[in-house]
Amino acid sequence: MLKNIKKQFASKEKSKAGFAILFSVLMASFLITLGISIFSISLKEIMITTSTRDSQIAYYIADSARECALYWDVKRGAFPRCMDSSCTSFLDADGNSVTAANTINVPVTCNGVEVILPFNKNASIFTYSATQQNFFKASSTPSAPVSDISITKQWSIDKTITTIEARGHNTGIIGRRVERGIQQINN
């Protein structure tokens, strides 16, 4: 009888040991799953945060380029305007009357960086545009924020409509390109 009791007790101990191993494996699986879930959520939050930061950088570079173009247009008169009905002569950056050429380069300085805006004339529409302008960093890294800017002056008999369009873009840490644009129309 004592042998039977010892066998039953030994059998119960073996089943408790099996249960402890099963419980340990289940608990480890649960903790690993929980850790992976938390890591996944954290990674998505980091992506959202960097995307927001890159979006702001792109917006501010576009806004700065627009402000610079507006300054050179309004305060300095850098972008020629038509002087006659056929748009054959116009005012240059110095306020001199010049016979219209089809292309000239208009230099402006933004934040100490000289930017050349090529000028194209098509009938009564003047367009100045430059792409990939890096106004704010001396670095030539591919991820530096840059701006594409376009100034269009459309001339009619009684008024000139100036459209300034600036697009800032930034390639962030994750490698996603973020682009923001601003357009301003002045009559």
C-alpha atoms as a PDB file:
ATOM      1  CA  MET A   1       0.000   0.000   0.000  1.00  0.00           C
ATOM      2  CA  LEU A   2       2.868   2.332   0.772  1.00  0.00           C
ATOM      3  CA  LYS A   3       4.304   1.579  -2.687  1.00  0.00           C
ATOM      4  CA  ASN A   4       1.017   2.523  -4.332  1.00  0.00           C
ATOM      5  CA  ILE A   5       0.895   5.835  -2.467  1.00  0.00           C
ATOM      6  CA  LYS A   6       4.489   6.620  -3.489  1.00  0.00           C
ATOM      7  CA  LYS A   7       3.655   5.806  -7.174  1.00  0.00           C
ATOM      8  CA  GLN A   8       0.600   8.085  -7.105  1.00  0.00           C
ATOM      9  CA  PHE A   9       2.609  10.885  -5.484  1.00  0.00           C
ATOM     10  CA  ALA A  10       5.433  10.519  -8.055  1.00  0.00           C
ATOM     11  CA  SER A  11       2.889  10.543 -10.870  1.00  0.00           C
ATOM     12  CA  LYS A  12       1.341  13.791  -9.548  1.00  0.00           C
ATOM     13  CA  GLU A  13       4.810  15.417  -9.305  1.00  0.00           C
ATOM     14  CA  LYS A  14       5.565  14.549 -12.952  1.00  0.00           C
ATOM     15  CA  SER A  15       2.276  16.060 -14.086  1.00  0.00           C
ATOM     16  CA  LYS A  16       2.995  19.227 -12.045  1.00  0.00           C
ATOM     17  CA  ALA A  17       6.422  19.516 -13.699  1.00  0.00           C
ATOM     18  CA  GLY A  18       4.823  19.212 -17.147  1.00  0.00           C
ATOM     19  CA  PHE A  19       2.291  21.886 -16.256  1.00  0.00           C
ATOM     20  CA  ALA A  20       5.051  24.234 -15.042  1.00  0.00           C
ATOM     21  CA  ILE A  21       6.947  23.859 -18.340  1.00  0.00           C
ATOM     22  CA  LEU A  22       3.745  24.430 -20.350  1.00  0.00           C
ATOM     23  CA  PHE A  23       2.894  27.487 -18.248  1.00  0.00           C
ATOM     24  CA  SER A  24       6.449  28.883 -18.723  1.00  0.00           C
ATOM     25  CA  VAL A  25       6.295  28.433 -22.507  1.00  0.00           C
ATOM     26  CA  LEU A  26       2.871  30.104 -22.713  1.00  0.00           C
ATOM     27  CA  MET A  27       4.005  33.011 -20.528  1.00  0.00           C
ATOM     28  CA  ALA A  28       7.178  33.500 -22.619  1.00  0.00           C
ATOM     29  CA  SER A  29       5.124  33.485 -25.831  1.00  0.00           C
ATOM     30  CA  PHE A  30       2.742  36.066 -24.382  1.00  0.00           C
ATOM     31  CA  LEU A  31       5.612  38.348 -23.293  1.00  0.00           C
ATOM     32  CA  ILE A  32       7.336  38.083 -26.681  1.00  0.00           C
ATOM     33  CA  THR A  33       4.073  38.914 -28.472  1.00  0.00           C
ATOM     34  CA  LEU A  34       3.516  41.886 -26.153  1.00  0.00           C
ATOM     35  CA  GLY A  35       7.084  43.128 -26.755  1.00  0.00           C
ATOM     36  CA  ILE A  36       6.743  42.876 -30.535  1.00  0.00           C
ATOM     37  CA  SER A  37       3.419  44.752 -30.404  1.00  0.00           C
ATOM     38  CA  ILE A  38       4.914  47.580 -28.339  1.00  0.00           C
ATOM     39  CA  PHE A  39       7.914  47.786 -30.706  1.00  0.00           C
ATOM     40  CA  SER A  40       5.587  47.953 -33.731  1.00  0.00           C
ATOM     41  CA  ILE A  41       3.525  50.761 -32.198  1.00  0.00           C
ATOM     42  CA  SER A  42       6.681  52.673 -31.236  1.00  0.00           C
ATOM     43  CA  LEU A  43       8.089  52.356 -34.757  1.00  0.00           C
ATOM     44  CA  LYS A  44       4.861  53.726 -36.276  1.00  0.00           C
ATOM     45  CA  GLU A  45       4.892  56.647 -33.822  1.00  0.00           C
ATOM     46  CA  ILE A  46       8.480  57.463 -34.795  1.00  0.00           C
ATOM     47  CA  MET A  47       7.521  57.406 -38.487  1.00  0.00           C
ATOM     48  CA  ILE A  48       4.583  59.763 -37.858  1.00  0.00           C
ATOM     49  CA  THR A  49       6.754  62.130 -35.825  1.00  0.00           C
ATOM     50  CA  THR A  50       9.540  62.301 -38.415  1.00  0.00           C
ATOM     51  CA  SER A  51       7.010  62.731 -41.208  1.00  0.00           C
ATOM     52  CA  THR A  52       5.462  65.671 -39.353  1.00  0.00           C
ATOM     53  CA  ARG A  53       8.885  67.233 -38.806  1.00  0.00           C
ATOM     54  CA  ASP A  54       9.842  66.760 -42.461  1.00  0.00           C
ATOM     55  CA  SER A  55       6.511  68.246 -43.535  1.00  0.00           C
ATOM     56  CA  GLN A  56       7.165  71.372 -41.467  1.00  0.00           C
ATOM     57  CA  ILE A  57      10.669  71.710 -42.897  1.00  0.00           C
ATOM     58  CA  ALA A  58       9.278  71.423 -46.443  1.00  0.00           C
ATOM     59  CA  TYR A  59       6.593  74.024 -45.714  1.00  0.00           C
ATOM     60  CA  TYR A  60       9.043  76.481 -44.167  1.00  0.00           C
ATOM     61  CA  ILE A  61      11.514  76.169 -47.048  1.00  0.00           C
ATOM     62  CA  ALA A  62       8.660  76.838 -49.519  1.00  0.00           C
ATOM     63  CA  ASP A  63       7.447  79.797 -47.467  1.00  0.00           C
ATOM     64  CA  SER A  64      10.965  81.226 -47.223  1.00  0.00           C
ATOM     65  CA  ALA A  65      11.481  80.926 -50.982  1.00  0.00           C
ATOM     66  CA  ARG A  66       8.117  82.630 -51.588  1.00  0.00           C
ATOM     67  CA  GLU A  67       9.015  85.443 -49.181  1.00  0.00           C
ATOM     68  CA  CYS A  68      12.371  85.932 -50.883  1.00  0.00           C
ATOM     69  CA  ALA A  69      10.758  86.084 -54.339  1.00  0.00           C
ATOM     70  CA  LEU A  70       8.097  88.491 -53.066  1.00  0.00           C
ATOM     71  CA  TYR A  71      10.784  90.732 -51.544  1.00  0.00           C
ATOM     72  CA  TRP A  72      12.774  90.837 -54.773  1.00  0.00           C
ATOM     73  CA  ASP A  73       9.620  91.474 -56.799  1.00  0.00           C
ATOM     74  CA  VAL A  74       7.992  94.161 -54.632  1.00  0.00           C
ATOM     75  CA  LYS A  75      10.939  95.904 -52.964  1.00  0.00           C
ATOM     76  CA  ARG A  76      13.643  95.496 -55.577  1.00  0.00           C
ATOM     77  CA  GLY A  77      11.656  95.187 -58.828  1.00  0.00           C
ATOM     78  CA  ALA A  78      13.935  92.360 -59.943  1.00  0.00           C
ATOM     79  CA  PHE A  79      11.480  90.736 -62.301  1.00  0.00           C
ATOM     80  CA  PRO A  80      10.817  92.792 -65.461  1.00  0.00           C
ATOM     81  CA  ARG A  81       7.378  94.049 -66.402  1.00  0.00           C
ATOM     82  CA  CYS A  82       5.995  94.999 -69.834  1.00  0.00           C
ATOM     83  CA  MET A  83       6.142  98.653 -70.826  1.00  0.00           C
ATOM     84  CA  ASP A  84       4.090  98.580 -74.015  1.00  0.00           C
ATOM     85  CA  SER A  85       1.049  96.784 -75.423  1.00  0.00           C
ATOM     86  CA  SER A  86       3.073  94.357 -77.541  1.00  0.00           C
ATOM     87  CA  CYS A  87       5.441  93.562 -74.672  1.00  0.00           C
ATOM     88  CA  THR A  88       8.512  94.308 -76.814  1.00  0.00           C
ATOM     89  CA  SER A  89      10.186  96.418 -74.132  1.00  0.00           C
ATOM     90  CA  PHE A  90      10.186  96.042 -70.378  1.00  0.00           C
ATOM     91  CA  LEU A  91      11.818  97.283 -67.197  1.00  0.00           C
ATOM     92  CA  ASP A  92      14.826  95.323 -66.015  1.00  0.00           C
ATOM     93  CA  ALA A  93      15.995  94.836 -62.406  1.00  0.00           C
ATOM     94  CA  ASP A  94      17.627  98.284 -62.363  1.00  0.00           C
ATOM     95  CA  GLY A  95      14.489 100.039 -63.639  1.00  0.00           C
ATOM     96  CA  ASN A  96      15.917 100.578 -67.138  1.00  0.00           C
ATOM     97  CA  SER A  97      13.801 100.104 -70.226  1.00  0.00           C
ATOM     98  CA  VAL A  98      15.155  97.157 -72.202  1.00  0.00           C
ATOM     99  CA  THR A  99      14.093  95.597 -75.483  1.00  0.00           C
ATOM    100  CA  ALA A 100      12.672  92.179 -74.717  1.00  0.00           C
ATOM    101  CA  ALA A 101      14.989  89.295 -75.245  1.00  0.00           C
ATOM    102  CA  ASN A 102      13.629  85.783 -75.072  1.00  0.00           C
ATOM    103  CA  THR A 103      15.881  84.698 -72.222  1.00  0.00           C
ATOM    104  CA  ILE A 104      17.913  86.430 -69.538  1.00  0.00           C
ATOM    105  CA  ASN A 105      19.099  85.371 -66.100  1.00  0.00           C
ATOM    106  CA  VAL A 106      17.843  87.273 -63.076  1.00  0.00           C
ATOM    107  CA  PRO A 107      20.158  86.934 -60.042  1.00  0.00           C
ATOM    108  CA  VAL A 108      18.635  87.318 -56.583  1.00  0.00           C
ATOM    109  CA  THR A 109      20.156  86.695 -53.176  1.00  0.00           C
ATOM    110  CA  CYS A 110      18.226  84.778 -50.545  1.00  0.00           C
ATOM    111  CA  ASN A 111      19.784  84.264 -47.126  1.00  0.00           C
ATOM    112  CA  GLY A 112      23.219  85.014 -48.524  1.00  0.00           C
ATOM    113  CA  VAL A 113      22.870  82.434 -51.309  1.00  0.00           C
ATOM    114  CA  GLU A 114      22.756  83.758 -54.867  1.00  0.00           C
ATOM    115  CA  VAL A 115      20.016  82.172 -56.935  1.00  0.00           C
ATOM    116  CA  ILE A 116      19.810  82.564 -60.690  1.00  0.00           C
ATOM    117  CA  LEU A 117      16.259  82.587 -62.004  1.00  0.00           C
ATOM    118  CA  PRO A 118      16.229  82.048 -65.780  1.00  0.00           C
ATOM    119  CA  PHE A 119      13.676  84.258 -67.533  1.00  0.00           C
ATOM    120  CA  ASN A 120      11.558  83.087 -70.445  1.00  0.00           C
ATOM    121  CA  LYS A 121       9.199  85.294 -72.435  1.00  0.00           C
ATOM    122  CA  ASN A 122       6.190  83.869 -74.210  1.00  0.00           C
ATOM    123  CA  ALA A 123       4.038  86.663 -75.702  1.00  0.00           C
ATOM    124  CA  SER A 124       2.754  88.650 -72.698  1.00  0.00           C
ATOM    125  CA  ILE A 125       3.757  86.041 -70.105  1.00  0.00           C
ATOM    126  CA  PHE A 126       7.128  86.236 -68.375  1.00  0.00           C
ATOM    127  CA  THR A 127       8.251  83.208 -66.389  1.00  0.00           C
ATOM    128  CA  TYR A 128      11.182  82.953 -63.999  1.00  0.00           C
ATOM    129  CA  SER A 129      11.833  79.553 -62.535  1.00  0.00           C
ATOM    130  CA  ALA A 130      14.541  77.621 -60.779  1.00  0.00           C
ATOM    131  CA  THR A 131      14.519  74.114 -59.368  1.00  0.00           C
ATOM    132  CA  GLN A 132      16.424  72.403 -56.586  1.00  0.00           C
ATOM    133  CA  GLN A 133      17.491  75.646 -54.906  1.00  0.00           C
ATOM    134  CA  ASN A 134      19.106  75.121 -51.525  1.00  0.00           C
ATOM    135  CA  PHE A 135      18.633  78.482 -49.795  1.00  0.00           C
ATOM    136  CA  PHE A 136      19.469  77.540 -46.245  1.00  0.00           C
ATOM    137  CA  LYS A 137      22.213  74.927 -45.986  1.00  0.00           C
ATOM    138  CA  ALA A 138      25.740  75.062 -47.274  1.00  0.00           C
ATOM    139  CA  SER A 139      25.621  71.272 -47.408  1.00  0.00           C
ATOM    140  CA  SER A 140      25.196  69.479 -50.709  1.00  0.00           C
ATOM    141  CA  THR A 141      23.753  66.339 -49.130  1.00  0.00           C
ATOM    142  CA  PRO A 142      20.878  64.801 -51.066  1.00  0.00           C
ATOM    143  CA  SER A 143      18.570  65.030 -48.058  1.00  0.00           C
ATOM    144  CA  ALA A 144      19.002  68.809 -47.617  1.00  0.00           C
ATOM    145  CA  PRO A 145      15.699  70.670 -47.965  1.00  0.00           C
ATOM    146  CA  VAL A 146      15.350  72.480 -51.274  1.00  0.00           C
ATOM    147  CA  SER A 147      12.776  74.639 -52.985  1.00  0.00           C
ATOM    148  CA  ASP A 148      11.501  74.849 -56.536  1.00  0.00           C
ATOM    149  CA  ILE A 149      10.303  78.352 -57.315  1.00  0.00           C
ATOM    150  CA  SER A 150       8.404  79.823 -60.222  1.00  0.00           C
ATOM    151  CA  ILE A 151       7.429  83.468 -60.716  1.00  0.00           C
ATOM    152  CA  THR A 152       5.033  84.202 -63.547  1.00  0.00           C
ATOM    153  CA  LYS A 153       4.088  87.727 -64.641  1.00  0.00           C
ATOM    154  CA  GLN A 154       1.139  87.877 -66.968  1.00  0.00           C
ATOM    155  CA  TRP A 155       0.647  91.251 -68.548  1.00  0.00           C
ATOM    156  CA  SER A 156      -2.620  92.684 -69.822  1.00  0.00           C
ATOM    157  CA  ILE A 157      -3.498  96.216 -70.930  1.00  0.00           C
ATOM    158  CA  ASP A 158      -4.249  97.625 -67.489  1.00  0.00           C
ATOM    159  CA  LYS A 159      -2.541  95.327 -65.004  1.00  0.00           C
ATOM    160  CA  THR A 160       0.140  92.772 -64.314  1.00  0.00           C
ATOM    161  CA  ILE A 161      -0.758  89.568 -62.458  1.00  0.00           C
ATOM    162  CA  THR A 162       2.177  88.054 -60.604  1.00  0.00           C
ATOM    163  CA  THR A 163       1.977  84.448 -59.465  1.00  0.00           C
ATOM    164  CA  ILE A 164       4.645  83.128 -57.135  1.00  0.00           C
ATOM    165  CA  GLU A 165       4.651  79.377 -56.640  1.00  0.00           C
ATOM    166  CA  ALA A 166       7.144  77.762 -54.292  1.00  0.00           C
ATOM    167  CA  ARG A 167       7.450  74.082 -53.517  1.00  0.00           C
ATOM    168  CA  GLY A 168       9.659  72.950 -50.676  1.00  0.00           C
ATOM    169  CA  HIS A 169      10.683  69.347 -50.404  1.00  0.00           C
ATOM    170  CA  ASN A 170      12.662  67.364 -47.956  1.00  0.00           C
ATOM    171  CA  THR A 171      13.853  63.778 -48.000  1.00  0.00           C
ATOM    172  CA  GLY A 172      13.659  62.697 -44.398  1.00  0.00           C
ATOM    173  CA  ILE A 173      15.594  60.193 -42.354  1.00  0.00           C
ATOM    174  CA  ILE A 174      13.319  57.330 -43.355  1.00  0.00           C
ATOM    175  CA  GLY A 175      13.797  58.209 -47.040  1.00  0.00           C
ATOM    176  CA  ARG A 176      10.306  59.408 -47.807  1.00  0.00           C
ATOM    177  CA  ARG A 177      10.090  62.634 -49.783  1.00  0.00           C
ATOM    178  CA  VAL A 178       7.759  65.208 -48.298  1.00  0.00           C
ATOM    179  CA  GLU A 179       6.685  68.159 -50.459  1.00  0.00           C
ATOM    180  CA  ARG A 180       4.638  71.227 -49.562  1.00  0.00           C
ATOM    181  CA  GLY A 181       3.712  74.070 -51.861  1.00  0.00           C
ATOM    182  CA  ILE A 182       2.540  77.656 -51.525  1.00  0.00           C
ATOM    183  CA  GLN A 183       1.077  79.825 -54.262  1.00  0.00           C
ATOM    184  CA  GLN A 184       0.535  83.578 -54.055  1.00  0.00           C
ATOM    185  CA  ILE A 185      -1.182  85.677 -56.684  1.00  0.00           C
ATOM    186  CA  ASN A 186      -0.714  89.453 -56.689  1.00  0.00           C
ATOM    187  CA  ASN A 187      -2.726  91.805 -58.884  1.00  0.00           C
END
